[in-house]
Amino acid sequence: MTGKRPIVVHLPSPTGGRRVRVDGEILGLAHNVRDLVEFLRRAGLDIEPEQVANSPLIDWRGVGPERWETESRT
């Protein structure tokens, strides 16, 4: 990897999953850490699942990697 590539993982969507962007390009809708790691691998970024929570390259919007679905309202 050359240079720092900003990775943004957005808040969970109302239908589930989180939008993932790298350098402003949407890579897809991840439903778990495994999906996120696969999107990043395809973009040429090798980040292990154990590294995503603390990676300085990932900007977790709102909540961290422990949540992939919206909170249910009762």
N, C-alpha and C. Protein backbone atom coordinates (compact mmCIF):
# COMPACT_ATOMS: atom_id res chain seq x y z
N MET A 1 0.84 -1.17 0.00
CA MET A 1 0.00 0.00 0.00
C MET A 1 0.89 1.23 0.00
N THR A 2 0.58 2.18 -0.85
CA THR A 2 1.36 3.40 -0.92
C THR A 2 0.54 4.54 -0.35
N GLY A 3 1.07 5.20 0.67
CA GLY A 3 0.35 6.32 1.27
C GLY A 3 -0.82 5.88 2.12
N LYS A 4 -1.38 6.84 2.82
CA LYS A 4 -2.52 6.56 3.69
C LYS A 4 -3.81 6.66 2.89
N ARG A 5 -4.63 5.63 2.97
CA ARG A 5 -5.91 5.62 2.27
C ARG A 5 -7.02 5.66 3.30
N PRO A 6 -7.77 6.73 3.34
CA PRO A 6 -8.83 6.81 4.35
C PRO A 6 -9.94 5.80 4.08
N ILE A 7 -10.22 5.01 5.09
CA ILE A 7 -11.30 4.02 5.04
C ILE A 7 -12.40 4.53 5.96
N VAL A 8 -13.61 4.64 5.44
CA VAL A 8 -14.74 5.09 6.25
C VAL A 8 -15.77 3.97 6.30
N VAL A 9 -16.15 3.58 7.53
CA VAL A 9 -17.22 2.62 7.73
C VAL A 9 -18.36 3.41 8.36
N HIS A 10 -19.43 3.59 7.59
CA HIS A 10 -20.55 4.44 8.00
C HIS A 10 -21.44 3.74 9.03
N LEU A 11 -22.35 4.52 9.62
CA LEU A 11 -23.32 3.97 10.56
C LEU A 11 -24.12 2.84 9.93
N PRO A 12 -24.64 1.93 10.74
CA PRO A 12 -25.50 0.87 10.18
C PRO A 12 -26.69 1.49 9.46
N SER A 13 -27.03 0.91 8.31
CA SER A 13 -28.18 1.40 7.54
C SER A 13 -29.46 0.85 8.15
N PRO A 14 -30.60 1.47 7.86
CA PRO A 14 -31.87 0.99 8.41
C PRO A 14 -32.19 -0.45 8.02
N THR A 15 -31.68 -0.90 6.89
CA THR A 15 -31.94 -2.27 6.44
C THR A 15 -30.84 -3.24 6.84
N GLY A 16 -29.83 -2.75 7.55
CA GLY A 16 -28.73 -3.60 8.01
C GLY A 16 -27.50 -3.42 7.15
N GLY A 17 -26.35 -3.65 7.74
CA GLY A 17 -25.08 -3.49 7.06
C GLY A 17 -24.56 -2.06 7.16
N ARG A 18 -23.28 -1.91 6.81
CA ARG A 18 -22.63 -0.60 6.88
C ARG A 18 -21.89 -0.33 5.58
N ARG A 19 -22.12 0.85 5.02
CA ARG A 19 -21.45 1.25 3.78
C ARG A 19 -19.97 1.46 4.06
N VAL A 20 -19.14 0.98 3.13
CA VAL A 20 -17.69 1.09 3.27
C VAL A 20 -17.15 1.91 2.11
N ARG A 21 -16.34 2.93 2.43
CA ARG A 21 -15.70 3.77 1.42
C ARG A 21 -14.20 3.75 1.60
N VAL A 22 -13.48 3.74 0.49
CA VAL A 22 -12.03 3.91 0.51
C VAL A 22 -11.70 4.98 -0.52
N ASP A 23 -11.01 6.02 -0.09
CA ASP A 23 -10.68 7.15 -0.95
C ASP A 23 -11.91 7.72 -1.65
N GLY A 24 -13.04 7.76 -0.93
CA GLY A 24 -14.26 8.33 -1.47
C GLY A 24 -15.07 7.39 -2.35
N GLU A 25 -14.54 6.22 -2.66
CA GLU A 25 -15.24 5.25 -3.51
C GLU A 25 -15.98 4.24 -2.64
N ILE A 26 -17.28 4.05 -2.90
CA ILE A 26 -18.06 3.07 -2.16
C ILE A 26 -17.64 1.67 -2.62
N LEU A 27 -17.23 0.85 -1.66
CA LEU A 27 -16.84 -0.53 -1.98
C LEU A 27 -18.00 -1.50 -1.84
N GLY A 28 -18.95 -1.16 -0.99
CA GLY A 28 -20.09 -2.05 -0.81
C GLY A 28 -20.71 -1.88 0.56
N LEU A 29 -21.63 -2.78 0.87
CA LEU A 29 -22.34 -2.80 2.13
C LEU A 29 -21.88 -4.03 2.90
N ALA A 30 -21.12 -3.79 3.96
CA ALA A 30 -20.60 -4.89 4.78
C ALA A 30 -21.59 -5.22 5.88
N HIS A 31 -21.78 -6.51 6.12
CA HIS A 31 -22.69 -6.95 7.18
C HIS A 31 -21.95 -7.49 8.39
N ASN A 32 -20.62 -7.56 8.29
CA ASN A 32 -19.81 -8.03 9.40
C ASN A 32 -18.34 -7.72 9.10
N VAL A 33 -17.47 -8.02 10.05
CA VAL A 33 -16.04 -7.75 9.89
C VAL A 33 -15.48 -8.54 8.71
N ARG A 34 -15.92 -9.75 8.53
CA ARG A 34 -15.45 -10.58 7.43
C ARG A 34 -15.71 -9.92 6.08
N ASP A 35 -16.91 -9.35 5.90
CA ASP A 35 -17.23 -8.61 4.67
C ASP A 35 -16.29 -7.42 4.50
N LEU A 36 -16.09 -6.67 5.58
CA LEU A 36 -15.22 -5.49 5.53
C LEU A 36 -13.82 -5.88 5.09
N VAL A 37 -13.26 -6.91 5.70
CA VAL A 37 -11.90 -7.35 5.37
C VAL A 37 -11.82 -7.78 3.90
N GLU A 38 -12.85 -8.42 3.39
CA GLU A 38 -12.85 -8.84 1.98
C GLU A 38 -12.90 -7.62 1.05
N PHE A 39 -13.74 -6.63 1.36
CA PHE A 39 -13.77 -5.41 0.54
C PHE A 39 -12.40 -4.75 0.52
N LEU A 40 -11.77 -4.67 1.68
CA LEU A 40 -10.46 -4.03 1.76
C LEU A 40 -9.40 -4.83 1.01
N ARG A 41 -9.48 -6.15 1.08
CA ARG A 41 -8.53 -7.00 0.34
C ARG A 41 -8.65 -6.74 -1.15
N ARG A 42 -9.89 -6.66 -1.65
CA ARG A 42 -10.11 -6.41 -3.07
C ARG A 42 -9.60 -5.03 -3.49
N ALA A 43 -9.55 -4.09 -2.52
CA ALA A 43 -9.05 -2.74 -2.80
C ALA A 43 -7.53 -2.66 -2.62
N GLY A 44 -6.90 -3.81 -2.30
CA GLY A 44 -5.45 -3.84 -2.16
C GLY A 44 -4.94 -3.53 -0.76
N LEU A 45 -5.82 -3.60 0.22
CA LEU A 45 -5.45 -3.31 1.60
C LEU A 45 -5.51 -4.59 2.42
N ASP A 46 -4.39 -5.00 2.98
CA ASP A 46 -4.34 -6.21 3.79
C ASP A 46 -4.45 -5.85 5.26
N ILE A 47 -5.67 -5.95 5.78
CA ILE A 47 -5.93 -5.71 7.20
C ILE A 47 -6.61 -6.97 7.73
N GLU A 48 -6.06 -7.53 8.78
CA GLU A 48 -6.60 -8.74 9.40
C GLU A 48 -7.85 -8.40 10.20
N PRO A 49 -8.78 -9.36 10.34
CA PRO A 49 -9.99 -9.10 11.13
C PRO A 49 -9.69 -8.61 12.55
N GLU A 50 -8.62 -9.10 13.14
CA GLU A 50 -8.27 -8.71 14.50
C GLU A 50 -7.76 -7.26 14.57
N GLN A 51 -7.41 -6.68 13.44
CA GLN A 51 -6.84 -5.34 13.40
C GLN A 51 -7.85 -4.23 13.13
N VAL A 52 -9.04 -4.58 12.67
CA VAL A 52 -9.97 -3.54 12.22
C VAL A 52 -10.41 -2.58 13.32
N ALA A 53 -10.58 -3.07 14.53
CA ALA A 53 -11.08 -2.22 15.61
C ALA A 53 -10.10 -1.11 15.96
N ASN A 54 -8.81 -1.38 15.84
CA ASN A 54 -7.80 -0.41 16.27
C ASN A 54 -6.97 0.16 15.13
N SER A 55 -7.33 -0.13 13.90
CA SER A 55 -6.54 0.36 12.78
C SER A 55 -6.66 1.88 12.64
N PRO A 56 -5.53 2.58 12.56
CA PRO A 56 -5.58 4.03 12.36
C PRO A 56 -6.07 4.42 10.96
N LEU A 57 -6.20 3.45 10.07
CA LEU A 57 -6.67 3.72 8.71
C LEU A 57 -8.19 3.75 8.60
N ILE A 58 -8.88 3.22 9.63
CA ILE A 58 -10.34 3.09 9.56
C ILE A 58 -11.02 4.13 10.44
N ASP A 59 -11.92 4.88 9.82
CA ASP A 59 -12.75 5.86 10.51
C ASP A 59 -14.12 5.22 10.73
N TRP A 60 -14.37 4.77 11.95
CA TRP A 60 -15.65 4.16 12.30
C TRP A 60 -16.63 5.28 12.63
N ARG A 61 -17.67 5.42 11.85
CA ARG A 61 -18.65 6.49 12.06
C ARG A 61 -19.71 6.03 13.06
N GLY A 62 -19.82 6.74 14.17
CA GLY A 62 -20.86 6.49 15.17
C GLY A 62 -20.58 5.35 16.12
N VAL A 63 -20.36 4.17 15.61
CA VAL A 63 -20.12 2.99 16.44
C VAL A 63 -18.98 2.18 15.82
N GLY A 64 -18.38 1.33 16.62
CA GLY A 64 -17.26 0.53 16.15
C GLY A 64 -17.70 -0.77 15.50
N PRO A 65 -16.76 -1.69 15.37
CA PRO A 65 -17.00 -2.93 14.62
C PRO A 65 -17.91 -3.94 15.32
N GLU A 66 -18.36 -3.61 16.51
CA GLU A 66 -19.24 -4.54 17.22
C GLU A 66 -20.69 -4.45 16.77
N ARG A 67 -21.04 -3.41 15.98
CA ARG A 67 -22.43 -3.25 15.54
C ARG A 67 -22.54 -3.12 14.05
N TRP A 68 -23.39 -3.94 13.46
CA TRP A 68 -23.60 -3.93 12.01
C TRP A 68 -25.07 -3.74 11.64
N GLU A 69 -25.94 -3.74 12.63
CA GLU A 69 -27.37 -3.55 12.42
C GLU A 69 -27.82 -2.33 13.22
N THR A 70 -28.91 -1.69 12.80
CA THR A 70 -29.44 -0.57 13.57
C THR A 70 -30.05 -1.11 14.85
N GLU A 71 -30.15 -0.25 15.85
CA GLU A 71 -30.81 -0.66 17.09
C GLU A 71 -32.29 -0.74 16.84
N SER A 72 -32.92 -1.80 17.34
CA SER A 72 -34.37 -1.92 17.17
C SER A 72 -35.07 -1.02 18.18
N ARG A 73 -36.12 -0.41 17.74
CA ARG A 73 -36.88 0.49 18.60
C ARG A 73 -38.15 -0.24 19.02
N THR A 74 -38.37 -0.33 20.32
CA THR A 74 -39.58 -1.00 20.81
C THR A 74 -40.47 -0.06 21.55
